[in-house]
Amino acid sequence: MTTTRPAHHDPTEPSFTEEDLSRLAGTRSFARGQNYLSDVAELSAAEDRITATVYGSEPYHVVLLLAGPRLTGSCDCPYGQDGHFCKHCVAVGLTALDRPDDLPRLRAETTRRAQALDNWLDSLDRSQLRELLREQLATDAEFHRRLELRAAAAGSDTLAVRAHILRLLDTRPFEQYGVVDRRDAAGYAAQLTEAAAAIRGLAATEQDAEAVTLAETAIKVIGEATERIDDSDGELSGAAQDMAQAHLEVCRLLLPDPVRTAEWLAAHLLGDWSHLPELDPAAYREILGEPGWAELRRLAHEAHRSHPSGWTERYVLESVLKAEGRVDELVTALSTELEPDGSTHLAIALELDRVGRRDEAVTWAERGLSDTETAPPRDRRLVEFLAHHYEEAGRLTDLVRLRRDDFRHHGTLDTYRSLRTACRTAHCWSAERPRALALLRADATGEHTGRRPHTGPVLIEALLDDGDAETAWETAPSVPTTLAQWVRLADAVREQHPADALPVYLRALTPLKQQTGHPAYERMTELLLSARACHRALGTEPEFTRYLAELRANQKRKRNLMRRLDEHGL
């Protein structure tokens, strides 16, 4: 199970929350995990993981892994072995949240122990290291297989290496009822990575095409297996691209027959499984040479003539033509089937612009806007492409017209900002702003009958973005306004209107009282500080003291919240 980590966090604290743990575990396991806090022992931390032992009916080993943007949890209890984020994972997560000050010390201790182990290994002689390896080989079947494969590759035993690689490519050991579950996909992906390394090793020791053939076999197997594997975590995709890179590397090293390689490449790109792994024809141009590239070009044209509306056929032909710099042929190929969202117009414009044909590029982009006027959603990159070129060419009237039409069509804060920037460049914002705000106000009050969505919140955001907080505050009661916007408005006018801002902060605090986790606690602290500032301005601090005392009494079980309030003198 996984959850997204916050984009920014204090590196001395856990980068997950109680809400994350509850969402991963479910209500029942989360509640049961709270009963195991006293059973967590041997807590350890590194930069990317937290580990511990939880003494349930027997000792269970738990790992919370912070890999990239995701939190994952594993436990060797029966429920955890089925891939669930179990009560033991919850207990370890809650313990880490409750002891954030210990994590830097634990991480330092982990680093110290790792360094001590490295120093000890460095002190051993060959015979001692060999004995350690033999002990591990006797008990670890996977480790035994990996070393056996490396030994075969190092000894140039091609048949043995081939047999090993084919076993690594086999999905059947990971399948249940014909499919590979997400929980098993990582194991299969690890075997693919191991197979790619073996293929590279084989190419380095045996200077024949066997490594190329094995890489091609692996790519075919991966493509065919894709539909049977749940790759929700992206493990298979990464391993597949590693295998594609291995094929490219061994081709560069061994230089297989260029025409046969072109035929294989075309078959893969045009086949049913060409989306994984992704191969870039341009990367093979040097390997194919002129004979192979000519064959790839012929096959690409032939496939496109046979099926001109096919996405795959178009992609392959476009890739070949782009690599050759045949812009006119590429434009002709692209223009045979224009996408209704304007993305094809943009692709043509980008290719023309890339070779310096800017007037033609702008013409195609303008045609894209015209052709998609009544068929939203439009590829918004068309607007940005034209805006860049209009500004660069000093066509400020066209720039303002473009941004005005885009704003009228979408009515978002981003399009409002873009219109404002364009008008300021053209020195006409003072005249344009009232019209833009009137359009947002008409949408917010239901007067606008166009296709654009309800934009009450956008009107408030636009006024705040302009720095016009007073107008935004006066406008908010008459249009739909979110609680978050009311808080931002209160922040903007608090010094001038503390009596009006105070109820907003108290209203925003109410839902947070039912939440747990560091983000909620931090937000509560900020709102309480703002409320206190209002009371001070109004001379009613005793009232705030009573409110805070009642809140602390009701929230006293939330130790991290109490700690944060103490830190801020609340």
Protein backbone atom coordinates (compact mmCIF):
# COMPACT_ATOMS: atom_id res chain seq x y z
CA MET A 1 0.00 0.00 0.00
CA THR A 2 1.21 3.54 -0.73
CA THR A 3 0.36 7.15 0.02
CA THR A 4 1.70 10.45 -1.31
CA ARG A 5 4.19 12.31 0.84
CA PRO A 6 3.89 16.06 1.44
CA ALA A 7 5.79 18.16 -1.11
CA HIS A 8 7.72 19.97 1.64
CA HIS A 9 8.43 18.69 5.11
CA ASP A 10 10.82 19.14 7.99
CA PRO A 11 13.58 16.53 7.41
CA THR A 12 13.82 15.97 11.17
CA GLU A 13 10.20 14.77 11.32
CA PRO A 14 8.30 11.88 9.70
CA SER A 15 7.05 12.85 6.25
CA PHE A 16 3.63 11.27 6.77
CA THR A 17 0.65 11.91 9.01
CA GLU A 18 -1.85 9.98 11.10
CA GLU A 19 -4.34 10.51 8.26
CA ASP A 20 -1.94 8.77 5.87
CA LEU A 21 -1.65 5.79 8.21
CA SER A 22 -5.42 5.60 8.66
CA ARG A 23 -6.03 5.82 4.92
CA LEU A 24 -3.52 3.07 4.17
CA ALA A 25 -4.63 0.73 6.94
CA GLY A 26 -8.36 1.37 7.03
CA THR A 27 -10.37 2.33 10.08
CA ARG A 28 -10.28 -1.10 11.74
CA SER A 29 -6.54 -1.79 11.40
CA PHE A 30 -5.72 1.79 12.38
CA ALA A 31 -7.75 1.45 15.58
CA ARG A 32 -6.15 -1.91 16.38
CA GLY A 33 -2.69 -0.50 15.70
CA GLN A 34 -3.20 2.09 18.44
CA ASN A 35 -3.35 -0.78 20.94
CA TYR A 36 0.14 -1.98 19.98
CA LEU A 37 2.13 1.18 20.74
CA SER A 38 3.65 -0.34 23.89
CA ASP A 39 4.75 -3.39 21.88
CA VAL A 40 6.99 -1.46 19.46
CA ALA A 41 10.69 -2.07 20.06
CA GLU A 42 14.02 -1.69 18.29
CA LEU A 43 12.91 1.43 16.42
CA SER A 44 15.50 2.39 13.84
CA ALA A 45 15.58 5.07 11.14
CA ALA A 46 17.47 5.90 7.98
CA GLU A 47 16.90 8.67 5.45
CA ASP A 48 14.43 6.58 3.44
CA ARG A 49 12.96 4.15 5.98
CA ILE A 50 11.84 3.45 9.52
CA THR A 51 12.10 -0.08 10.90
CA ALA A 52 11.02 -1.73 14.15
CA THR A 53 9.97 -4.99 15.76
CA VAL A 54 6.41 -5.28 17.04
CA TYR A 55 5.82 -8.00 19.64
CA GLY A 56 2.34 -9.30 18.88
CA SER A 57 1.47 -13.00 19.08
CA GLU A 58 5.12 -13.29 17.95
CA PRO A 59 7.80 -10.79 16.92
CA TYR A 60 7.05 -9.13 13.57
CA HIS A 61 9.49 -7.06 11.56
CA VAL A 62 8.06 -3.82 10.11
CA VAL A 63 9.55 -1.53 7.45
CA LEU A 64 8.06 1.84 6.55
CA LEU A 65 9.75 2.88 3.32
CA LEU A 66 9.77 6.51 2.16
CA ALA A 67 10.58 5.98 -1.53
CA GLY A 68 10.24 9.13 -3.63
CA PRO A 69 6.72 10.57 -3.24
CA ARG A 70 5.23 7.43 -1.64
CA LEU A 71 4.98 5.83 1.78
CA THR A 72 4.88 2.03 1.76
CA GLY A 73 4.66 -0.38 4.63
CA SER A 74 5.60 -4.03 4.89
CA CYS A 75 5.33 -6.52 7.74
CA ASP A 76 6.07 -10.24 7.92
CA CYS A 77 2.85 -11.00 9.80
CA PRO A 78 0.34 -13.11 7.78
CA TYR A 79 -1.87 -10.10 7.00
CA GLY A 80 1.14 -8.00 6.03
CA GLN A 81 2.54 -10.75 3.80
CA ASP A 82 -0.66 -10.50 1.75
CA GLY A 83 0.33 -6.92 0.94
CA HIS A 84 -1.82 -5.11 3.48
CA PHE A 85 -0.78 -2.12 5.57
CA CYS A 86 -1.38 -3.92 8.86
CA LYS A 87 -1.91 -2.89 12.50
CA HIS A 88 1.81 -3.44 13.18
CA CYS A 89 2.72 -0.89 10.46
CA VAL A 90 0.26 1.53 12.06
CA ALA A 91 1.85 1.04 15.49
CA VAL A 92 5.34 1.77 14.13
CA GLY A 93 4.09 4.82 12.20
CA LEU A 94 2.32 6.25 15.24
CA THR A 95 5.38 5.63 17.40
CA ALA A 96 7.56 7.54 14.92
CA LEU A 97 5.06 10.41 14.84
CA ASP A 98 5.07 10.53 18.62
CA ARG A 99 8.89 10.60 18.79
CA PRO A 100 10.00 13.03 16.06
CA ASP A 101 12.87 14.33 18.18
CA ASP A 102 14.39 10.81 18.32
CA LEU A 103 14.60 10.35 14.55
CA PRO A 104 17.80 12.38 13.91
CA ARG A 105 19.57 10.41 16.67
CA LEU A 106 18.30 7.09 15.29
CA ARG A 107 19.40 8.01 11.78
CA ALA A 108 22.85 8.92 13.05
CA GLU A 109 23.05 5.61 14.91
CA THR A 110 22.06 3.70 11.75
CA THR A 111 24.80 5.47 9.82
CA ARG A 112 27.33 4.69 12.54
CA ARG A 113 26.44 0.98 12.57
CA ALA A 114 26.59 0.77 8.77
CA GLN A 115 30.04 2.34 8.80
CA ALA A 116 31.17 -0.05 11.54
CA LEU A 117 29.98 -3.01 9.45
CA ASP A 118 31.81 -1.69 6.37
CA ASN A 119 34.99 -1.30 8.40
CA TRP A 120 34.70 -4.85 9.69
CA LEU A 121 34.15 -6.26 6.21
CA ASP A 122 37.17 -4.35 4.97
CA SER A 123 39.24 -6.03 7.68
CA LEU A 124 38.42 -9.59 6.56
CA ASP A 125 40.71 -11.55 4.27
CA ARG A 126 39.58 -13.53 1.19
CA SER A 127 39.03 -16.81 3.02
CA GLN A 128 36.89 -15.17 5.69
CA LEU A 129 34.77 -13.37 3.12
CA ARG A 130 34.39 -16.62 1.13
CA GLU A 131 33.13 -18.38 4.24
CA LEU A 132 30.56 -15.64 4.86
CA LEU A 133 29.34 -15.92 1.27
CA ARG A 134 29.00 -19.70 1.52
CA GLU A 135 26.95 -19.35 4.71
CA GLN A 136 24.59 -16.96 2.94
CA LEU A 137 24.40 -19.12 -0.18
CA ALA A 138 23.33 -22.09 1.91
CA THR A 139 20.27 -20.27 3.28
CA ASP A 140 19.28 -17.69 0.64
CA ALA A 141 18.00 -19.22 -2.61
CA GLU A 142 17.60 -15.88 -4.39
CA PHE A 143 21.13 -14.79 -3.51
CA HIS A 144 22.39 -18.18 -4.66
CA ARG A 145 20.67 -17.76 -8.04
CA ARG A 146 22.05 -14.27 -8.57
CA LEU A 147 25.64 -15.33 -7.88
CA GLU A 148 25.22 -18.43 -10.02
CA LEU A 149 24.15 -16.24 -12.92
CA ARG A 150 27.11 -13.92 -12.46
CA ALA A 151 29.47 -16.86 -12.32
CA ALA A 152 28.07 -18.27 -15.56
CA ALA A 153 28.43 -14.90 -17.28
CA ALA A 154 31.97 -14.44 -16.02
CA GLY A 155 32.86 -17.95 -17.20
CA SER A 156 31.41 -17.33 -20.70
CA ASP A 157 28.95 -20.21 -20.25
CA THR A 158 26.48 -18.86 -22.80
CA LEU A 159 24.03 -21.75 -22.56
CA ALA A 160 23.85 -21.47 -18.79
CA VAL A 161 23.42 -17.70 -18.95
CA ARG A 162 20.67 -18.04 -21.55
CA ALA A 163 18.83 -20.59 -19.41
CA HIS A 164 19.12 -18.33 -16.37
CA ILE A 165 17.85 -15.29 -18.26
CA LEU A 166 14.86 -17.17 -19.67
CA ARG A 167 13.95 -18.30 -16.16
CA LEU A 168 14.16 -14.69 -14.98
CA LEU A 169 11.77 -13.62 -17.74
CA ASP A 170 9.16 -16.23 -16.84
CA THR A 171 6.12 -14.63 -15.18
CA ARG A 172 4.51 -17.90 -14.10
CA PRO A 173 6.10 -18.08 -10.63
CA PHE A 174 4.48 -14.70 -9.89
CA GLU A 175 1.07 -15.41 -11.40
CA GLN A 176 -2.15 -16.21 -9.63
CA TYR A 177 -5.05 -17.17 -11.89
CA GLY A 178 -3.09 -15.97 -14.91
CA VAL A 179 -2.22 -12.47 -13.65
CA VAL A 180 0.57 -10.90 -11.61
CA ASP A 181 -0.80 -8.91 -8.68
CA ARG A 182 0.62 -5.48 -7.83
CA ARG A 183 2.20 -6.96 -4.71
CA ASP A 184 4.20 -9.41 -6.84
CA ALA A 185 5.02 -7.02 -9.70
CA ALA A 186 8.02 -5.60 -7.83
CA GLY A 187 9.55 -9.07 -7.50
CA TYR A 188 9.16 -9.74 -11.20
CA ALA A 189 10.53 -6.28 -12.04
CA ALA A 190 13.61 -7.04 -9.91
CA GLN A 191 14.19 -10.21 -11.96
CA LEU A 192 13.93 -8.20 -15.19
CA THR A 193 16.57 -5.79 -13.89
CA GLU A 194 18.75 -8.77 -13.02
CA ALA A 195 18.22 -10.22 -16.51
CA ALA A 196 19.21 -6.89 -18.11
CA ALA A 197 22.43 -6.87 -16.10
CA ALA A 198 23.16 -10.44 -17.20
CA ILE A 199 22.60 -9.53 -20.85
CA ARG A 200 25.03 -6.64 -20.53
CA GLY A 201 27.55 -8.95 -18.90
CA LEU A 202 27.13 -11.55 -21.64
CA ALA A 203 27.73 -8.95 -24.35
CA ALA A 204 30.92 -7.86 -22.62
CA THR A 205 32.34 -11.40 -22.46
CA GLU A 206 30.92 -13.08 -25.59
CA GLN A 207 31.33 -11.01 -28.75
CA ASP A 208 28.40 -12.51 -30.70
CA ALA A 209 24.75 -11.67 -31.26
CA GLU A 210 23.41 -13.93 -28.50
CA ALA A 211 23.06 -11.00 -26.12
CA VAL A 212 21.10 -9.04 -28.74
CA THR A 213 18.77 -11.98 -29.33
CA LEU A 214 18.17 -12.42 -25.61
CA ALA A 215 17.41 -8.72 -25.18
CA GLU A 216 14.93 -8.89 -28.06
CA THR A 217 13.32 -11.94 -26.50
CA ALA A 218 13.08 -10.12 -23.17
CA ILE A 219 11.45 -7.08 -24.79
CA LYS A 220 8.89 -9.31 -26.50
CA VAL A 221 8.12 -11.14 -23.26
CA ILE A 222 7.71 -7.86 -21.38
CA GLY A 223 5.33 -6.49 -24.00
CA GLU A 224 3.19 -9.61 -24.04
CA ALA A 225 3.15 -9.81 -20.22
CA THR A 226 2.09 -6.18 -19.73
CA GLU A 227 -1.63 -6.95 -19.90
CA ARG A 228 -1.26 -9.59 -17.17
CA ILE A 229 0.69 -7.46 -14.69
CA ASP A 230 -0.71 -4.84 -12.33
CA ASP A 231 1.97 -2.14 -12.56
CA SER A 232 0.22 0.40 -10.32
CA ASP A 233 3.51 1.24 -8.58
CA GLY A 234 5.45 1.65 -11.85
CA GLU A 235 8.02 -1.03 -10.99
CA LEU A 236 7.54 -2.93 -14.27
CA SER A 237 7.79 0.22 -16.38
CA GLY A 238 11.15 1.10 -14.87
CA ALA A 239 12.52 -2.40 -15.34
CA ALA A 240 11.20 -2.52 -18.91
CA GLN A 241 13.02 0.70 -19.81
CA ASP A 242 16.19 -0.69 -18.26
CA MET A 243 15.86 -3.70 -20.56
CA ALA A 244 15.32 -1.39 -23.55
CA GLN A 245 18.50 0.48 -22.61
CA ALA A 246 20.34 -2.84 -22.31
CA HIS A 247 19.26 -3.76 -25.85
CA LEU A 248 20.50 -0.44 -27.16
CA GLU A 249 23.84 -0.84 -25.38
CA VAL A 250 24.51 -4.38 -26.62
CA CYS A 251 23.56 -3.35 -30.18
CA ARG A 252 26.11 -0.55 -30.03
CA LEU A 253 28.71 -2.97 -28.74
CA LEU A 254 28.04 -5.95 -31.01
CA LEU A 255 26.73 -4.17 -34.16
CA PRO A 256 24.22 -6.82 -35.31
CA ASP A 257 22.98 -7.04 -38.92
CA PRO A 258 21.48 -3.56 -39.60
CA VAL A 259 18.66 -4.64 -41.93
CA ARG A 260 17.54 -7.46 -39.64
CA THR A 261 17.70 -5.06 -36.66
CA ALA A 262 15.58 -2.52 -38.60
CA GLU A 263 13.00 -5.22 -39.32
CA TRP A 264 12.90 -6.22 -35.66
CA LEU A 265 12.62 -2.60 -34.53
CA ALA A 266 9.77 -1.89 -36.96
CA ALA A 267 7.97 -5.05 -35.88
CA HIS A 268 8.21 -4.03 -32.25
CA LEU A 269 7.17 -0.41 -32.82
CA LEU A 270 4.22 -1.43 -35.00
CA GLY A 271 3.21 -4.42 -32.92
CA ASP A 272 0.42 -4.78 -30.40
CA TRP A 273 2.82 -4.50 -27.42
CA SER A 274 4.94 -1.55 -28.61
CA HIS A 275 3.98 0.72 -25.70
CA LEU A 276 6.21 -1.14 -23.22
CA PRO A 277 9.08 -0.78 -23.29
CA GLU A 278 9.17 2.40 -25.32
CA LEU A 279 11.87 2.44 -28.01
CA ASP A 280 13.04 5.60 -29.77
CA PRO A 281 13.88 4.92 -33.44
CA ALA A 282 16.26 7.89 -33.53
CA ALA A 283 18.43 6.23 -30.85
CA TYR A 284 19.13 3.39 -33.31
CA ARG A 285 20.09 5.50 -36.32
CA GLU A 286 23.84 5.14 -35.85
CA ILE A 287 23.49 1.41 -35.15
CA LEU A 288 21.38 0.83 -38.28
CA GLY A 289 23.58 2.83 -40.62
CA GLU A 290 22.25 3.80 -44.03
CA PRO A 291 21.06 0.32 -45.13
CA GLY A 292 19.18 -0.36 -41.91
CA TRP A 293 17.74 3.14 -41.65
CA ALA A 294 16.54 3.00 -45.27
CA GLU A 295 14.75 -0.26 -44.47
CA LEU A 296 13.16 1.24 -41.35
CA ARG A 297 12.00 4.26 -43.39
CA ARG A 298 10.52 1.95 -46.06
CA LEU A 299 8.65 -0.11 -43.49
CA ALA A 300 7.35 3.03 -41.75
CA HIS A 301 6.00 4.50 -45.02
CA GLU A 302 4.48 1.17 -46.01
CA ALA A 303 2.69 0.81 -42.67
CA HIS A 304 1.36 4.39 -42.82
CA ARG A 305 0.04 3.94 -46.37
CA SER A 306 -1.73 0.76 -45.29
CA HIS A 307 -3.31 2.38 -42.23
CA PRO A 308 -3.00 6.21 -42.40
CA SER A 309 -5.31 6.84 -39.43
CA GLY A 310 -3.47 4.41 -37.13
CA TRP A 311 -1.84 6.11 -34.16
CA THR A 312 1.09 3.67 -34.02
CA GLU A 313 1.77 3.89 -37.76
CA ARG A 314 1.75 7.67 -37.60
CA TYR A 315 4.05 7.74 -34.58
CA VAL A 316 6.65 5.50 -36.23
CA LEU A 317 6.65 7.47 -39.48
CA GLU A 318 6.80 10.78 -37.64
CA SER A 319 9.72 9.54 -35.52
CA VAL A 320 11.66 8.49 -38.62
CA LEU A 321 10.97 11.71 -40.50
CA LYS A 322 11.77 13.83 -37.45
CA ALA A 323 15.09 12.06 -36.97
CA GLU A 324 15.95 12.76 -40.63
CA GLY A 325 14.89 16.40 -40.47
CA ARG A 326 12.36 15.94 -43.31
CA VAL A 327 10.06 18.68 -42.07
CA ASP A 328 7.84 19.03 -45.15
CA GLU A 329 7.21 15.30 -45.32
CA LEU A 330 6.55 15.30 -41.58
CA VAL A 331 4.03 18.14 -41.91
CA THR A 332 2.28 16.27 -44.72
CA ALA A 333 2.13 13.10 -42.63
CA LEU A 334 0.84 14.93 -39.56
CA SER A 335 -1.78 16.93 -41.45
CA THR A 336 -3.50 13.83 -42.85
CA GLU A 337 -5.34 13.37 -39.53
CA LEU A 338 -5.71 16.50 -37.39
CA GLU A 339 -6.77 15.90 -33.79
CA PRO A 340 -9.88 17.91 -32.76
CA ASP A 341 -8.12 19.38 -29.68
CA GLY A 342 -5.46 21.10 -31.79
CA SER A 343 -2.56 18.95 -30.56
CA THR A 344 -1.60 18.00 -34.13
CA HIS A 345 -1.61 21.65 -35.22
CA LEU A 346 0.73 22.33 -32.31
CA ALA A 347 3.03 19.43 -33.24
CA ILE A 348 3.33 20.83 -36.77
CA ALA A 349 3.96 24.35 -35.44
CA LEU A 350 6.67 23.10 -33.10
CA GLU A 351 8.47 21.23 -35.90
CA LEU A 352 8.36 24.25 -38.20
CA ASP A 353 9.52 26.52 -35.39
CA ARG A 354 12.37 24.14 -34.58
CA VAL A 355 13.86 24.65 -38.04
CA GLY A 356 13.36 28.42 -38.01
CA ARG A 357 10.20 28.63 -40.15
CA ARG A 358 8.40 30.79 -37.60
CA ASP A 359 5.82 32.48 -39.82
CA GLU A 360 4.57 29.10 -41.01
CA ALA A 361 4.61 27.85 -37.42
CA VAL A 362 2.46 30.75 -36.23
CA THR A 363 0.05 30.23 -39.13
CA TRP A 364 -0.45 26.58 -38.15
CA ALA A 365 -0.96 27.51 -34.50
CA GLU A 366 -3.52 30.17 -35.45
CA ARG A 367 -5.28 27.62 -37.64
CA GLY A 368 -5.33 25.30 -34.63
CA LEU A 369 -7.12 27.94 -32.54
CA SER A 370 -9.61 28.59 -35.31
CA ASP A 371 -10.31 24.88 -35.91
CA THR A 372 -10.86 24.18 -32.20
CA GLU A 373 -13.02 27.22 -31.40
CA THR A 374 -16.18 25.13 -31.04
CA ALA A 375 -14.60 21.89 -29.88
CA PRO A 376 -13.19 22.24 -26.35
CA PRO A 377 -11.18 21.13 -24.54
CA ARG A 378 -8.46 22.70 -26.60
CA ASP A 379 -4.76 21.91 -26.18
CA ARG A 380 -3.77 24.93 -24.12
CA ARG A 381 -0.19 24.76 -25.33
CA LEU A 382 -1.44 26.34 -28.57
CA VAL A 383 -2.30 29.52 -26.68
CA GLU A 384 1.05 29.60 -24.91
CA PHE A 385 2.93 28.96 -28.17
CA LEU A 386 1.21 31.87 -29.89
CA ALA A 387 1.52 34.17 -26.87
CA HIS A 388 5.27 33.62 -26.82
CA HIS A 389 5.64 34.37 -30.53
CA TYR A 390 3.30 37.40 -30.48
CA GLU A 391 5.25 38.95 -27.61
CA GLU A 392 8.60 38.14 -29.19
CA ALA A 393 7.48 39.75 -32.45
CA GLY A 394 6.06 42.83 -30.67
CA ARG A 395 2.51 42.01 -31.78
CA LEU A 396 1.01 43.29 -28.53
CA THR A 397 -2.48 43.90 -29.92
CA ASP A 398 -2.64 40.27 -31.05
CA LEU A 399 -1.24 39.18 -27.69
CA VAL A 400 -3.96 41.01 -25.74
CA ARG A 401 -6.67 39.69 -28.09
CA LEU A 402 -5.38 36.14 -27.64
CA ARG A 403 -5.28 36.40 -23.84
CA ARG A 404 -8.72 38.09 -23.74
CA ASP A 405 -10.33 35.32 -25.82
CA ASP A 406 -8.64 32.66 -23.72
CA PHE A 407 -9.85 34.30 -20.50
CA ARG A 408 -13.40 34.58 -21.82
CA HIS A 409 -13.33 30.94 -22.80
CA HIS A 410 -11.90 29.57 -19.52
CA GLY A 411 -12.25 32.23 -16.81
CA THR A 412 -9.61 30.80 -14.45
CA LEU A 413 -7.18 32.63 -12.18
CA ASP A 414 -4.32 31.59 -14.48
CA THR A 415 -6.00 33.05 -17.58
CA TYR A 416 -6.84 36.21 -15.61
CA ARG A 417 -3.20 36.58 -14.61
CA SER A 418 -2.04 36.00 -18.19
CA LEU A 419 -4.47 38.64 -19.46
CA ARG A 420 -3.25 41.08 -16.81
CA THR A 421 0.40 40.49 -17.74
CA ALA A 422 -0.31 40.96 -21.46
CA CYS A 423 -2.31 44.13 -20.86
CA ARG A 424 0.36 45.61 -18.62
CA THR A 425 2.91 44.92 -21.36
CA ALA A 426 0.60 46.71 -23.79
CA HIS A 427 -0.23 49.46 -21.22
CA CYS A 428 -4.00 48.84 -21.33
CA TRP A 429 -4.77 47.04 -18.05
CA SER A 430 -6.61 49.96 -16.47
CA ALA A 431 -9.18 49.77 -19.27
CA GLU A 432 -9.31 45.97 -19.48
CA ARG A 433 -9.52 45.12 -15.76
CA PRO A 434 -13.09 46.39 -15.13
CA ARG A 435 -14.37 44.33 -18.07
CA ALA A 436 -12.56 41.20 -16.86
CA LEU A 437 -13.87 41.57 -13.30
CA ALA A 438 -17.37 42.24 -14.59
CA LEU A 439 -17.26 38.98 -16.51
CA LEU A 440 -16.16 37.07 -13.41
CA ARG A 441 -18.86 38.78 -11.35
CA ALA A 442 -21.52 37.85 -13.93
CA ASP A 443 -20.41 34.22 -13.77
CA ALA A 444 -20.40 34.28 -9.98
CA THR A 445 -23.92 35.64 -9.73
CA GLY A 446 -25.37 33.43 -12.47
CA GLU A 447 -25.87 36.25 -14.96
CA HIS A 448 -23.47 34.80 -17.53
CA THR A 449 -25.07 32.26 -19.88
CA GLY A 450 -21.90 31.04 -21.57
CA ARG A 451 -20.27 27.64 -21.28
CA ARG A 452 -17.76 28.58 -18.61
CA PRO A 453 -18.02 27.04 -15.12
CA HIS A 454 -19.26 28.81 -12.02
CA THR A 455 -16.45 31.19 -11.01
CA GLY A 456 -17.41 32.79 -7.70
CA PRO A 457 -14.14 31.67 -6.07
CA VAL A 458 -12.16 32.93 -9.12
CA LEU A 459 -13.54 36.46 -8.65
CA ILE A 460 -12.30 36.54 -5.06
CA GLU A 461 -8.93 35.05 -6.05
CA ALA A 462 -8.54 37.59 -8.84
CA LEU A 463 -9.22 40.51 -6.51
CA LEU A 464 -6.78 39.15 -3.92
CA ASP A 465 -4.19 38.54 -6.62
CA ASP A 466 -4.57 42.17 -7.67
CA GLY A 467 -3.87 43.22 -4.08
CA ASP A 468 -7.40 44.62 -3.77
CA ALA A 469 -8.27 42.99 -0.44
CA GLU A 470 -10.89 45.56 0.59
CA THR A 471 -12.95 45.03 -2.56
CA ALA A 472 -12.57 41.26 -2.19
CA TRP A 473 -13.81 41.45 1.43
CA GLU A 474 -16.79 43.56 0.43
CA THR A 475 -17.59 41.25 -2.51
CA ALA A 476 -17.30 37.89 -0.72
CA PRO A 477 -20.76 37.91 0.98
CA SER A 478 -22.50 38.30 -2.37
CA VAL A 479 -20.80 35.42 -4.23
CA PRO A 480 -20.00 31.78 -3.39
CA THR A 481 -16.80 31.90 -1.32
CA THR A 482 -14.91 28.97 0.18
CA LEU A 483 -13.85 28.79 3.81
CA ALA A 484 -10.19 28.79 2.75
CA GLN A 485 -10.80 32.03 0.85
CA TRP A 486 -12.55 33.59 3.84
CA VAL A 487 -9.43 32.84 5.92
CA ARG A 488 -7.18 34.42 3.30
CA LEU A 489 -9.48 37.44 3.24
CA ALA A 490 -9.39 37.65 7.03
CA ASP A 491 -5.59 37.56 6.93
CA ALA A 492 -5.59 40.41 4.41
CA VAL A 493 -7.95 42.72 6.35
CA ARG A 494 -7.29 41.66 9.97
CA GLU A 495 -5.48 44.82 10.95
CA GLN A 496 -8.28 47.02 9.65
CA HIS A 497 -11.22 44.78 10.62
CA PRO A 498 -10.24 42.54 13.58
CA ALA A 499 -13.87 42.16 14.75
CA ASP A 500 -14.90 40.87 11.31
CA ALA A 501 -11.86 38.61 10.87
CA LEU A 502 -12.18 36.88 14.27
CA PRO A 503 -15.37 34.86 13.52
CA VAL A 504 -13.74 33.60 10.32
CA TYR A 505 -10.79 32.12 12.23
CA LEU A 506 -13.08 30.51 14.82
CA ARG A 507 -15.23 29.00 12.08
CA ALA A 508 -12.15 27.57 10.33
CA LEU A 509 -10.96 26.00 13.61
CA THR A 510 -14.16 23.98 14.09
CA PRO A 511 -13.58 21.19 11.50
CA LEU A 512 -9.90 20.93 12.43
CA LYS A 513 -10.80 19.89 15.97
CA GLN A 514 -11.99 16.56 14.58
CA GLN A 515 -8.74 15.89 12.69
CA THR A 516 -5.35 14.52 13.67
CA GLY A 517 -1.88 14.76 12.17
CA HIS A 518 0.83 17.37 11.86
CA PRO A 519 -0.73 19.40 8.99
CA ALA A 520 -3.98 19.81 10.97
CA TYR A 521 -2.08 20.71 14.14
CA GLU A 522 0.05 23.25 12.33
CA ARG A 523 -3.01 24.84 10.75
CA MET A 524 -4.82 24.98 14.12
CA THR A 525 -1.80 26.71 15.64
CA GLU A 526 -1.73 29.31 12.84
CA LEU A 527 -5.45 30.03 13.21
CA LEU A 528 -5.19 30.33 16.98
CA LEU A 529 -2.33 32.81 16.65
CA SER A 530 -4.44 34.85 14.23
CA ALA A 531 -7.45 34.73 16.57
CA ARG A 532 -5.25 35.87 19.46
CA ALA A 533 -4.03 38.81 17.36
CA CYS A 534 -7.66 39.83 16.76
CA HIS A 535 -8.51 39.62 20.47
CA ARG A 536 -5.44 41.70 21.33
CA ALA A 537 -6.47 44.36 18.82
CA LEU A 538 -9.98 44.35 20.30
CA GLY A 539 -8.77 44.34 23.92
CA THR A 540 -10.58 41.03 24.66
CA GLU A 541 -7.65 38.75 25.51
CA PRO A 542 -9.42 37.17 28.56
CA GLU A 543 -12.07 35.85 26.18
CA PHE A 544 -9.36 34.22 24.07
CA THR A 545 -7.75 32.72 27.18
CA ARG A 546 -11.05 31.02 28.08
CA TYR A 547 -11.50 29.74 24.53
CA LEU A 548 -7.96 28.35 24.43
CA ALA A 549 -8.29 26.65 27.83
CA GLU A 550 -11.47 24.90 26.70
CA LEU A 551 -9.84 23.81 23.44
CA ARG A 552 -6.77 22.41 25.21
CA ALA A 553 -8.99 20.49 27.63
CA ASN A 554 -10.95 18.91 24.79
CA GLN A 555 -7.85 18.16 22.70
CA LYS A 556 -5.47 17.08 25.46
CA ARG A 557 -5.04 13.52 24.09
CA LYS A 558 -3.36 14.96 20.99
CA ARG A 559 0.13 15.19 22.43
CA ASN A 560 1.77 16.58 19.30
CA LEU A 561 -0.85 19.33 19.14
CA MET A 562 -0.20 20.22 22.78
CA ARG A 563 3.53 20.33 22.06
CA ARG A 564 3.02 22.71 19.13
CA LEU A 565 0.76 24.97 21.17
CA ASP A 566 3.38 25.07 23.92
CA GLU A 567 6.10 25.95 21.39
CA HIS A 568 4.06 28.95 20.23
CA GLY A 569 3.09 30.14 23.70
CA LEU A 570 -0.55 29.14 23.34
